[in-house]
Amino acid sequence: MTQTQMRIISIVFGVLALISGSLFKVDTRERAALFQLGELKRTDYTPGLHFKLPLIQDVKKFDGRVRTLDNQTENFLTSEKKNVKVDFFVKWKIADLATYYRATGREGATNVAMDRLASIVNSGLRDEFGRRTIQQAVSGERDAIMRALEASAKSKVAELGIEIIDVRIKRIDLPDEVRGSVYERMRAERTRVASELRAKGAEEAERIRSEADRAATIIVADAYREAEKERGIGDAKSAEIYAKAYGKDAEFYSFYRSLNVYKESWKGRQDVLVLEPKSDFFKYFNSPKP
């Protein structure tokens, strides 16, 4: 290879290196900042391919995605000077890259941003819990706390070039020394309510039972009255039929009744009656008529 060819190859490699040093790519998940001789010049790059001056200009990239600050459990005092344990997280992202870079140090350290954001949120939560009682904080005002915190922290985090996307309280716990007494009060209250409900249930059951007994007594009485009425009608009808039968042939009816009496009196071989032969009982045995 001649010296001329070597020179040409060197020139080509130099040109390629110059072109490579003049291009940089910005991903959709990134934010890019252009520095010239260490001075911040531009931060408004869109995703895609861009140019810079080699050697005198440099590009630094930052994570532009939504990130999460998952804070450790913190203790906060309520208006009653009682501690509550609060576990929360914050969703945030870079809003102004230049402000973010200047506020977090020359390297734009994420840890610095996380620490300052945690400090701001902790201060806001301490103020919000300090205005509320334990019952308000634990039971029904969690959403109000988060809304107030977002509003108060918005201007403070703007100084860091950060935008808060969301603040969520994952859990609010009572301290161990308070939790036992609260649970005991809750248990006593639930026991009282259960006893009251049982008493009302027993009272209602007794009322229903009394109503059922009264209704049953009325139904039985009405049925007995109706049965006696029907029995009376039947007896009257029977007496009427008997009377008509007696009127047709009284002697035959007397004879028929005597036969039934004889049959009922001597059902077995051991039956014995001690009577006078001339008594009315043997009337039809002594002198039966045709």
C-alpha atoms as a PDB file:
ATOM      1  CA  MET A   1       0.000   0.000   0.000  1.00  0.00           C
ATOM      2  CA  THR A   2       1.467   3.322  -1.066  1.00  0.00           C
ATOM      3  CA  GLN A   3       1.827   6.376   1.075  1.00  0.00           C
ATOM      4  CA  THR A   4      -0.866   8.180  -0.903  1.00  0.00           C
ATOM      5  CA  GLN A   5      -3.348   5.393  -0.248  1.00  0.00           C
ATOM      6  CA  MET A   6      -2.521   5.470   3.433  1.00  0.00           C
ATOM      7  CA  ARG A   7      -3.166   9.208   3.475  1.00  0.00           C
ATOM      8  CA  ILE A   8      -6.540   8.760   1.741  1.00  0.00           C
ATOM      9  CA  ILE A   9      -7.622   6.077   4.205  1.00  0.00           C
ATOM     10  CA  SER A  10      -6.611   8.309   7.099  1.00  0.00           C
ATOM     11  CA  ILE A  11      -8.623  11.187   5.666  1.00  0.00           C
ATOM     12  CA  VAL A  12     -11.677   8.932   5.211  1.00  0.00           C
ATOM     13  CA  PHE A  13     -11.473   7.664   8.791  1.00  0.00           C
ATOM     14  CA  GLY A  14     -11.049  11.223  10.026  1.00  0.00           C
ATOM     15  CA  VAL A  15     -14.122  12.372   8.100  1.00  0.00           C
ATOM     16  CA  LEU A  16     -16.149   9.440   9.426  1.00  0.00           C
ATOM     17  CA  ALA A  17     -15.016  10.162  12.966  1.00  0.00           C
ATOM     18  CA  LEU A  18     -15.925  13.836  12.510  1.00  0.00           C
ATOM     19  CA  ILE A  19     -19.385  12.936  11.201  1.00  0.00           C
ATOM     20  CA  SER A  20     -19.901  10.415  13.999  1.00  0.00           C
ATOM     21  CA  GLY A  21     -18.947  13.032  16.577  1.00  0.00           C
ATOM     22  CA  SER A  22     -21.381  15.503  15.014  1.00  0.00           C
ATOM     23  CA  LEU A  23     -24.471  13.255  15.305  1.00  0.00           C
ATOM     24  CA  PHE A  24     -26.442  12.179  18.332  1.00  0.00           C
ATOM     25  CA  LYS A  25     -29.779  10.466  18.807  1.00  0.00           C
ATOM     26  CA  VAL A  26     -32.508  11.305  21.325  1.00  0.00           C
ATOM     27  CA  ASP A  27     -34.807   8.457  22.360  1.00  0.00           C
ATOM     28  CA  THR A  28     -38.501   8.952  23.147  1.00  0.00           C
ATOM     29  CA  ARG A  29     -37.763   8.061  26.782  1.00  0.00           C
ATOM     30  CA  GLU A  30     -34.958  10.620  27.099  1.00  0.00           C
ATOM     31  CA  ARG A  31     -34.422  14.339  27.546  1.00  0.00           C
ATOM     32  CA  ALA A  32     -31.202  15.783  26.060  1.00  0.00           C
ATOM     33  CA  ALA A  33     -29.186  18.884  26.997  1.00  0.00           C
ATOM     34  CA  LEU A  34     -26.516  20.471  24.761  1.00  0.00           C
ATOM     35  CA  PHE A  35     -23.420  21.962  26.424  1.00  0.00           C
ATOM     36  CA  GLN A  36     -20.815  24.142  24.729  1.00  0.00           C
ATOM     37  CA  LEU A  37     -17.511  24.323  26.561  1.00  0.00           C
ATOM     38  CA  GLY A  38     -19.363  23.346  29.759  1.00  0.00           C
ATOM     39  CA  GLU A  39     -22.134  25.935  29.372  1.00  0.00           C
ATOM     40  CA  LEU A  40     -25.740  24.802  28.939  1.00  0.00           C
ATOM     41  CA  LYS A  41     -27.000  25.951  25.557  1.00  0.00           C
ATOM     42  CA  ARG A  42     -30.139  23.993  24.611  1.00  0.00           C
ATOM     43  CA  THR A  43     -32.616  21.518  26.133  1.00  0.00           C
ATOM     44  CA  ASP A  44     -35.574  21.468  23.713  1.00  0.00           C
ATOM     45  CA  TYR A  45     -34.567  18.474  21.595  1.00  0.00           C
ATOM     46  CA  THR A  46     -37.321  16.253  20.218  1.00  0.00           C
ATOM     47  CA  PRO A  47     -36.855  12.481  19.724  1.00  0.00           C
ATOM     48  CA  GLY A  48     -34.774  11.744  16.626  1.00  0.00           C
ATOM     49  CA  LEU A  49     -31.351  12.430  15.087  1.00  0.00           C
ATOM     50  CA  HIS A  50     -29.596  15.783  15.748  1.00  0.00           C
ATOM     51  CA  PHE A  51     -26.270  17.534  15.006  1.00  0.00           C
ATOM     52  CA  LYS A  52     -23.661  19.166  17.246  1.00  0.00           C
ATOM     53  CA  LEU A  53     -20.264  20.664  16.805  1.00  0.00           C
ATOM     54  CA  PRO A  54     -17.630  18.061  17.555  1.00  0.00           C
ATOM     55  CA  LEU A  55     -15.036  18.666  20.230  1.00  0.00           C
ATOM     56  CA  ILE A  56     -16.542  21.913  21.532  1.00  0.00           C
ATOM     57  CA  GLN A  57     -20.095  20.728  22.111  1.00  0.00           C
ATOM     58  CA  ASP A  58     -21.267  17.869  24.305  1.00  0.00           C
ATOM     59  CA  VAL A  59     -24.675  16.230  24.937  1.00  0.00           C
ATOM     60  CA  LYS A  60     -25.959  14.813  28.210  1.00  0.00           C
ATOM     61  CA  LYS A  61     -29.083  12.722  28.409  1.00  0.00           C
ATOM     62  CA  PHE A  62     -31.591  12.338  31.258  1.00  0.00           C
ATOM     63  CA  ASP A  63     -34.421   9.916  31.917  1.00  0.00           C
ATOM     64  CA  GLY A  64     -37.623  11.602  30.706  1.00  0.00           C
ATOM     65  CA  ARG A  65     -40.047   8.924  31.872  1.00  0.00           C
ATOM     66  CA  VAL A  66     -42.416   9.137  34.822  1.00  0.00           C
ATOM     67  CA  ARG A  67     -40.518   7.924  37.878  1.00  0.00           C
ATOM     68  CA  THR A  68     -41.624   6.827  41.327  1.00  0.00           C
ATOM     69  CA  LEU A  69     -40.478   8.032  44.715  1.00  0.00           C
ATOM     70  CA  ASP A  70     -41.473   5.184  47.053  1.00  0.00           C
ATOM     71  CA  ASN A  71     -40.802   6.652  50.449  1.00  0.00           C
ATOM     72  CA  GLN A  72     -40.207   4.737  53.643  1.00  0.00           C
ATOM     73  CA  THR A  73     -42.821   4.839  56.399  1.00  0.00           C
ATOM     74  CA  GLU A  74     -42.784   8.197  58.197  1.00  0.00           C
ATOM     75  CA  ASN A  75     -44.293   9.256  61.544  1.00  0.00           C
ATOM     76  CA  PHE A  76     -46.462  12.379  61.587  1.00  0.00           C
ATOM     77  CA  LEU A  77     -48.177  14.165  64.479  1.00  0.00           C
ATOM     78  CA  THR A  78     -51.892  14.892  64.314  1.00  0.00           C
ATOM     79  CA  SER A  79     -53.622  17.894  65.881  1.00  0.00           C
ATOM     80  CA  GLU A  80     -54.067  15.751  69.005  1.00  0.00           C
ATOM     81  CA  LYS A  81     -50.280  15.264  69.225  1.00  0.00           C
ATOM     82  CA  LYS A  82     -50.682  11.579  68.402  1.00  0.00           C
ATOM     83  CA  ASN A  83     -48.343   9.772  65.999  1.00  0.00           C
ATOM     84  CA  VAL A  84     -49.555   8.076  62.831  1.00  0.00           C
ATOM     85  CA  LYS A  85     -47.426   5.948  60.508  1.00  0.00           C
ATOM     86  CA  VAL A  86     -47.807   6.986  56.873  1.00  0.00           C
ATOM     87  CA  ASP A  87     -46.564   5.095  53.818  1.00  0.00           C
ATOM     88  CA  PHE A  88     -46.796   7.011  50.525  1.00  0.00           C
ATOM     89  CA  PHE A  89     -45.357   7.283  47.012  1.00  0.00           C
ATOM     90  CA  VAL A  90     -44.995  10.097  44.457  1.00  0.00           C
ATOM     91  CA  LYS A  91     -45.095   9.892  40.652  1.00  0.00           C
ATOM     92  CA  TRP A  92     -42.955  12.620  39.037  1.00  0.00           C
ATOM     93  CA  LYS A  93     -41.081  13.540  35.895  1.00  0.00           C
ATOM     94  CA  ILE A  94     -38.724  16.247  34.595  1.00  0.00           C
ATOM     95  CA  ALA A  95     -40.715  19.266  33.426  1.00  0.00           C
ATOM     96  CA  ASP A  96     -37.942  21.852  32.796  1.00  0.00           C
ATOM     97  CA  LEU A  97     -34.619  20.201  32.026  1.00  0.00           C
ATOM     98  CA  ALA A  98     -32.511  23.359  32.418  1.00  0.00           C
ATOM     99  CA  THR A  99     -33.988  24.145  35.840  1.00  0.00           C
ATOM    100  CA  TYR A 100     -33.674  20.481  36.852  1.00  0.00           C
ATOM    101  CA  TYR A 101     -29.994  20.409  35.882  1.00  0.00           C
ATOM    102  CA  ARG A 102     -29.139  23.618  37.722  1.00  0.00           C
ATOM    103  CA  ALA A 103     -31.163  22.646  40.838  1.00  0.00           C
ATOM    104  CA  THR A 104     -29.804  19.138  41.231  1.00  0.00           C
ATOM    105  CA  GLY A 105     -26.128  19.799  40.570  1.00  0.00           C
ATOM    106  CA  ARG A 106     -23.835  19.917  37.597  1.00  0.00           C
ATOM    107  CA  GLU A 107     -24.492  16.219  36.934  1.00  0.00           C
ATOM    108  CA  GLY A 108     -28.258  16.371  37.453  1.00  0.00           C
ATOM    109  CA  ALA A 109     -28.156  13.535  39.981  1.00  0.00           C
ATOM    110  CA  THR A 110     -31.443  11.676  40.371  1.00  0.00           C
ATOM    111  CA  ASN A 111     -30.692  10.960  44.030  1.00  0.00           C
ATOM    112  CA  VAL A 112     -30.504  14.681  44.746  1.00  0.00           C
ATOM    113  CA  ALA A 113     -33.884  15.236  43.081  1.00  0.00           C
ATOM    114  CA  MET A 114     -35.396  12.322  45.004  1.00  0.00           C
ATOM    115  CA  ASP A 115     -34.101  13.623  48.350  1.00  0.00           C
ATOM    116  CA  ARG A 116     -35.370  17.151  47.789  1.00  0.00           C
ATOM    117  CA  LEU A 117     -38.724  15.910  46.497  1.00  0.00           C
ATOM    118  CA  ALA A 118     -39.101  13.633  49.527  1.00  0.00           C
ATOM    119  CA  SER A 119     -38.320  16.557  51.815  1.00  0.00           C
ATOM    120  CA  ILE A 120     -40.978  18.738  50.164  1.00  0.00           C
ATOM    121  CA  VAL A 121     -43.640  16.022  50.315  1.00  0.00           C
ATOM    122  CA  ASN A 122     -42.781  15.138  53.925  1.00  0.00           C
ATOM    123  CA  SER A 123     -43.116  18.782  54.951  1.00  0.00           C
ATOM    124  CA  GLY A 124     -46.496  19.030  53.191  1.00  0.00           C
ATOM    125  CA  LEU A 125     -47.779  15.845  54.795  1.00  0.00           C
ATOM    126  CA  ARG A 126     -46.633  17.020  58.228  1.00  0.00           C
ATOM    127  CA  ASP A 127     -48.649  20.224  57.769  1.00  0.00           C
ATOM    128  CA  GLU A 128     -51.749  18.378  56.540  1.00  0.00           C
ATOM    129  CA  PHE A 129     -51.754  15.785  59.320  1.00  0.00           C
ATOM    130  CA  GLY A 130     -51.072  18.516  61.883  1.00  0.00           C
ATOM    131  CA  ARG A 131     -54.437  20.093  60.977  1.00  0.00           C
ATOM    132  CA  ARG A 132     -56.431  16.882  61.460  1.00  0.00           C
ATOM    133  CA  THR A 133     -57.340  14.461  64.236  1.00  0.00           C
ATOM    134  CA  ILE A 134     -56.534  10.752  64.094  1.00  0.00           C
ATOM    135  CA  GLN A 135     -60.122   9.917  63.192  1.00  0.00           C
ATOM    136  CA  GLN A 136     -60.167  12.429  60.327  1.00  0.00           C
ATOM    137  CA  ALA A 137     -56.801  11.273  59.008  1.00  0.00           C
ATOM    138  CA  VAL A 138     -57.564   7.561  59.177  1.00  0.00           C
ATOM    139  CA  SER A 139     -61.232   7.424  58.219  1.00  0.00           C
ATOM    140  CA  GLY A 140     -62.421   9.875  55.623  1.00  0.00           C
ATOM    141  CA  GLU A 141     -60.016  12.635  54.554  1.00  0.00           C
ATOM    142  CA  ARG A 142     -57.262  10.784  52.711  1.00  0.00           C
ATOM    143  CA  ASP A 143     -58.289  12.198  49.316  1.00  0.00           C
ATOM    144  CA  ALA A 144     -58.472  15.719  50.760  1.00  0.00           C
ATOM    145  CA  ILE A 145     -54.952  15.329  52.174  1.00  0.00           C
ATOM    146  CA  MET A 146     -53.562  14.251  48.797  1.00  0.00           C
ATOM    147  CA  ARG A 147     -55.279  17.084  46.917  1.00  0.00           C
ATOM    148  CA  ALA A 148     -54.036  19.691  49.387  1.00  0.00           C
ATOM    149  CA  LEU A 149     -50.530  18.226  49.258  1.00  0.00           C
ATOM    150  CA  GLU A 150     -50.380  18.359  45.458  1.00  0.00           C
ATOM    151  CA  ALA A 151     -51.520  21.989  45.479  1.00  0.00           C
ATOM    152  CA  SER A 152     -48.982  23.065  48.121  1.00  0.00           C
ATOM    153  CA  ALA A 153     -46.044  21.136  46.633  1.00  0.00           C
ATOM    154  CA  LYS A 154     -46.631  22.231  43.036  1.00  0.00           C
ATOM    155  CA  SER A 155     -44.887  25.602  43.334  1.00  0.00           C
ATOM    156  CA  LYS A 156     -42.026  24.187  45.418  1.00  0.00           C
ATOM    157  CA  VAL A 157     -41.157  21.368  43.026  1.00  0.00           C
ATOM    158  CA  ALA A 158     -41.331  23.804  40.095  1.00  0.00           C
ATOM    159  CA  GLU A 159     -38.083  25.280  41.443  1.00  0.00           C
ATOM    160  CA  LEU A 160     -36.517  21.850  40.844  1.00  0.00           C
ATOM    161  CA  GLY A 161     -37.794  21.632  37.281  1.00  0.00           C
ATOM    162  CA  ILE A 162     -40.022  18.722  38.371  1.00  0.00           C
ATOM    163  CA  GLU A 163     -43.709  18.069  37.777  1.00  0.00           C
ATOM    164  CA  ILE A 164     -45.665  15.948  40.288  1.00  0.00           C
ATOM    165  CA  ILE A 165     -47.967  13.571  38.417  1.00  0.00           C
ATOM    166  CA  ASP A 166     -49.598  11.930  41.416  1.00  0.00           C
ATOM    167  CA  VAL A 167     -49.286  11.560  45.178  1.00  0.00           C
ATOM    168  CA  ARG A 168     -50.800   8.525  46.857  1.00  0.00           C
ATOM    169  CA  ILE A 169     -50.984   7.505  50.492  1.00  0.00           C
ATOM    170  CA  LYS A 170     -50.735   3.730  50.529  1.00  0.00           C
ATOM    171  CA  ARG A 171     -51.340   3.154  54.217  1.00  0.00           C
ATOM    172  CA  ILE A 172     -52.017   5.026  57.438  1.00  0.00           C
ATOM    173  CA  ASP A 173     -51.364   3.033  60.601  1.00  0.00           C
ATOM    174  CA  LEU A 174     -51.783   3.908  64.226  1.00  0.00           C
ATOM    175  CA  PRO A 175     -48.779   3.488  66.529  1.00  0.00           C
ATOM    176  CA  ASP A 176     -48.642   0.262  68.500  1.00  0.00           C
ATOM    177  CA  GLU A 177     -49.529   1.882  71.835  1.00  0.00           C
ATOM    178  CA  VAL A 178     -52.644   3.501  70.345  1.00  0.00           C
ATOM    179  CA  ARG A 179     -53.735   0.650  68.115  1.00  0.00           C
ATOM    180  CA  GLY A 180     -54.578  -1.683  71.015  1.00  0.00           C
ATOM    181  CA  SER A 181     -56.855   0.803  72.760  1.00  0.00           C
ATOM    182  CA  VAL A 182     -58.545   1.753  69.482  1.00  0.00           C
ATOM    183  CA  TYR A 183     -59.209  -1.891  68.663  1.00  0.00           C
ATOM    184  CA  GLU A 184     -60.608  -2.452  72.141  1.00  0.00           C
ATOM    185  CA  ARG A 185     -62.970   0.500  71.752  1.00  0.00           C
ATOM    186  CA  MET A 186     -64.001  -0.753  68.322  1.00  0.00           C
ATOM    187  CA  ARG A 187     -64.585  -4.245  69.713  1.00  0.00           C
ATOM    188  CA  ALA A 188     -66.653  -2.872  72.596  1.00  0.00           C
ATOM    189  CA  GLU A 189     -68.709  -0.755  70.209  1.00  0.00           C
ATOM    190  CA  ARG A 190     -69.314  -3.707  67.880  1.00  0.00           C
ATOM    191  CA  THR A 191     -70.286  -5.859  70.884  1.00  0.00           C
ATOM    192  CA  ARG A 192     -72.757  -3.209  72.049  1.00  0.00           C
ATOM    193  CA  VAL A 193     -74.295  -2.941  68.590  1.00  0.00           C
ATOM    194  CA  ALA A 194     -74.504  -6.742  68.309  1.00  0.00           C
ATOM    195  CA  SER A 195     -76.216  -6.993  71.720  1.00  0.00           C
ATOM    196  CA  GLU A 196     -78.674  -4.278  70.731  1.00  0.00           C
ATOM    197  CA  LEU A 197     -79.470  -6.053  67.482  1.00  0.00           C
ATOM    198  CA  ARG A 198     -79.942  -9.372  69.306  1.00  0.00           C
ATOM    199  CA  ALA A 199     -82.304  -7.722  71.811  1.00  0.00           C
ATOM    200  CA  LYS A 200     -84.327  -6.164  69.005  1.00  0.00           C
ATOM    201  CA  GLY A 201     -84.401  -9.519  67.219  1.00  0.00           C
ATOM    202  CA  ALA A 202     -85.596 -11.330  70.352  1.00  0.00           C
ATOM    203  CA  GLU A 203     -88.286  -8.693  70.889  1.00  0.00           C
ATOM    204  CA  GLU A 204     -89.446  -8.969  67.305  1.00  0.00           C
ATOM    205  CA  ALA A 205     -89.425 -12.785  67.506  1.00  0.00           C
ATOM    206  CA  GLU A 206     -91.536 -12.681  70.671  1.00  0.00           C
ATOM    207  CA  ARG A 207     -93.985 -10.291  69.022  1.00  0.00           C
ATOM    208  CA  ILE A 208     -94.271 -12.504  65.938  1.00  0.00           C
ATOM    209  CA  ARG A 209     -94.672 -15.591  68.137  1.00  0.00           C
ATOM    210  CA  SER A 210     -97.438 -13.895  70.150  1.00  0.00           C
ATOM    211  CA  GLU A 211     -99.204 -12.816  66.968  1.00  0.00           C
ATOM    212  CA  ALA A 212     -98.956 -16.351  65.624  1.00  0.00           C
ATOM    213  CA  ASP A 213    -100.309 -17.868  68.869  1.00  0.00           C
ATOM    214  CA  ARG A 214    -103.190 -15.400  68.926  1.00  0.00           C
ATOM    215  CA  ALA A 215    -103.990 -16.091  65.277  1.00  0.00           C
ATOM    216  CA  ALA A 216    -103.817 -19.848  65.924  1.00  0.00           C
ATOM    217  CA  THR A 217    -106.179 -19.545  68.922  1.00  0.00           C
ATOM    218  CA  ILE A 218    -108.647 -17.526  66.856  1.00  0.00           C
ATOM    219  CA  ILE A 219    -108.459 -20.027  63.995  1.00  0.00           C
ATOM    220  CA  VAL A 220    -109.016 -22.995  66.351  1.00  0.00           C
ATOM    221  CA  ALA A 221    -111.912 -21.220  68.086  1.00  0.00           C
ATOM    222  CA  ASP A 222    -113.515 -20.349  64.767  1.00  0.00           C
ATOM    223  CA  ALA A 223    -113.033 -23.917  63.561  1.00  0.00           C
ATOM    224  CA  TYR A 224    -114.527 -25.330  66.794  1.00  0.00           C
ATOM    225  CA  ARG A 225    -117.480 -22.977  66.539  1.00  0.00           C
ATOM    226  CA  GLU A 226    -118.029 -23.954  62.939  1.00  0.00           C
ATOM    227  CA  ALA A 227    -117.701 -27.657  63.823  1.00  0.00           C
ATOM    228  CA  GLU A 228    -120.205 -27.340  66.668  1.00  0.00           C
ATOM    229  CA  LYS A 229    -122.546 -25.498  64.369  1.00  0.00           C
ATOM    230  CA  GLU A 230    -122.312 -28.223  61.754  1.00  0.00           C
ATOM    231  CA  ARG A 231    -122.638 -30.915  64.447  1.00  0.00           C
ATOM    232  CA  GLY A 232    -125.757 -29.210  65.755  1.00  0.00           C
ATOM    233  CA  ILE A 233    -127.216 -29.062  62.285  1.00  0.00           C
ATOM    234  CA  GLY A 234    -126.366 -32.746  61.822  1.00  0.00           C
ATOM    235  CA  ASP A 235    -127.899 -33.710  65.166  1.00  0.00           C
ATOM    236  CA  ALA A 236    -131.056 -31.783  64.315  1.00  0.00           C
ATOM    237  CA  LYS A 237    -131.227 -33.491  60.960  1.00  0.00           C
ATOM    238  CA  SER A 238    -130.648 -36.867  62.587  1.00  0.00           C
ATOM    239  CA  ALA A 239    -133.329 -36.226  65.196  1.00  0.00           C
ATOM    240  CA  GLU A 240    -135.708 -35.215  62.453  1.00  0.00           C
ATOM    241  CA  ILE A 241    -135.016 -38.416  60.554  1.00  0.00           C
ATOM    242  CA  TYR A 242    -135.424 -40.500  63.739  1.00  0.00           C
ATOM    243  CA  ALA A 243    -138.671 -38.753  64.563  1.00  0.00           C
ATOM    244  CA  LYS A 244    -140.046 -39.469  61.119  1.00  0.00           C
ATOM    245  CA  ALA A 245    -138.956 -43.088  61.410  1.00  0.00           C
ATOM    246  CA  TYR A 246    -140.596 -43.430  64.848  1.00  0.00           C
ATOM    247  CA  GLY A 247    -143.812 -42.016  63.485  1.00  0.00           C
ATOM    248  CA  LYS A 248    -144.063 -44.569  60.714  1.00  0.00           C
ATOM    249  CA  ASP A 249    -143.804 -47.759  62.879  1.00  0.00           C
ATOM    250  CA  ALA A 250    -143.015 -47.190  66.521  1.00  0.00           C
ATOM    251  CA  GLU A 251    -143.444 -50.855  67.479  1.00  0.00           C
ATOM    252  CA  PHE A 252    -140.999 -52.052  64.838  1.00  0.00           C
ATOM    253  CA  TYR A 253    -138.467 -49.434  65.882  1.00  0.00           C
ATOM    254  CA  SER A 254    -138.788 -50.548  69.503  1.00  0.00           C
ATOM    255  CA  PHE A 255    -138.228 -54.140  68.406  1.00  0.00           C
ATOM    256  CA  TYR A 256    -135.198 -53.159  66.325  1.00  0.00           C
ATOM    257  CA  ARG A 257    -133.662 -51.258  69.191  1.00  0.00           C
ATOM    258  CA  SER A 258    -134.189 -54.210  71.503  1.00  0.00           C
ATOM    259  CA  LEU A 259    -132.359 -56.514  69.086  1.00  0.00           C
ATOM    260  CA  ASN A 260    -129.386 -54.117  69.068  1.00  0.00           C
ATOM    261  CA  VAL A 261    -129.391 -54.066  72.837  1.00  0.00           C
ATOM    262  CA  TYR A 262    -129.463 -57.884  72.979  1.00  0.00           C
ATOM    263  CA  LYS A 263    -126.536 -58.054  70.561  1.00  0.00           C
ATOM    264  CA  GLU A 264    -124.470 -55.606  72.561  1.00  0.00           C
ATOM    265  CA  SER A 265    -125.294 -57.269  75.881  1.00  0.00           C
ATOM    266  CA  TRP A 266    -124.200 -60.839  74.902  1.00  0.00           C
ATOM    267  CA  LYS A 267    -121.010 -60.444  72.944  1.00  0.00           C
ATOM    268  CA  GLY A 268    -119.176 -63.314  74.648  1.00  0.00           C
ATOM    269  CA  ARG A 269    -119.983 -66.702  76.197  1.00  0.00           C
ATOM    270  CA  GLN A 270    -119.038 -65.479  79.656  1.00  0.00           C
ATOM    271  CA  ASP A 271    -121.492 -62.537  79.705  1.00  0.00           C
ATOM    272  CA  VAL A 272    -124.145 -62.899  82.473  1.00  0.00           C
ATOM    273  CA  LEU A 273    -127.176 -60.711  83.316  1.00  0.00           C
ATOM    274  CA  VAL A 274    -129.249 -61.139  86.454  1.00  0.00           C
ATOM    275  CA  LEU A 275    -132.744 -59.857  85.624  1.00  0.00           C
ATOM    276  CA  GLU A 276    -136.347 -60.829  86.257  1.00  0.00           C
ATOM    277  CA  PRO A 277    -137.794 -62.772  83.353  1.00  0.00           C
ATOM    278  CA  LYS A 278    -140.859 -60.503  83.328  1.00  0.00           C
ATOM    279  CA  SER A 279    -138.840 -57.290  83.044  1.00  0.00           C
ATOM    280  CA  ASP A 280    -139.166 -55.037  80.029  1.00  0.00           C
ATOM    281  CA  PHE A 281    -135.725 -56.132  78.893  1.00  0.00           C
ATOM    282  CA  PHE A 282    -137.130 -59.560  77.827  1.00  0.00           C
ATOM    283  CA  LYS A 283    -140.333 -58.123  76.452  1.00  0.00           C
ATOM    284  CA  TYR A 284    -139.799 -59.456  72.939  1.00  0.00           C
ATOM    285  CA  PHE A 285    -138.438 -62.777  74.159  1.00  0.00           C
ATOM    286  CA  ASN A 286    -141.549 -63.555  76.219  1.00  0.00           C
ATOM    287  CA  SER A 287    -144.352 -62.439  73.912  1.00  0.00           C
ATOM    288  CA  PRO A 288    -143.127 -61.376  70.527  1.00  0.00           C
ATOM    289  CA  LYS A 289    -145.720 -59.993  68.167  1.00  0.00           C
ATOM    290  CA  PRO A 290    -145.838 -60.845  64.499  1.00  0.00           C
END
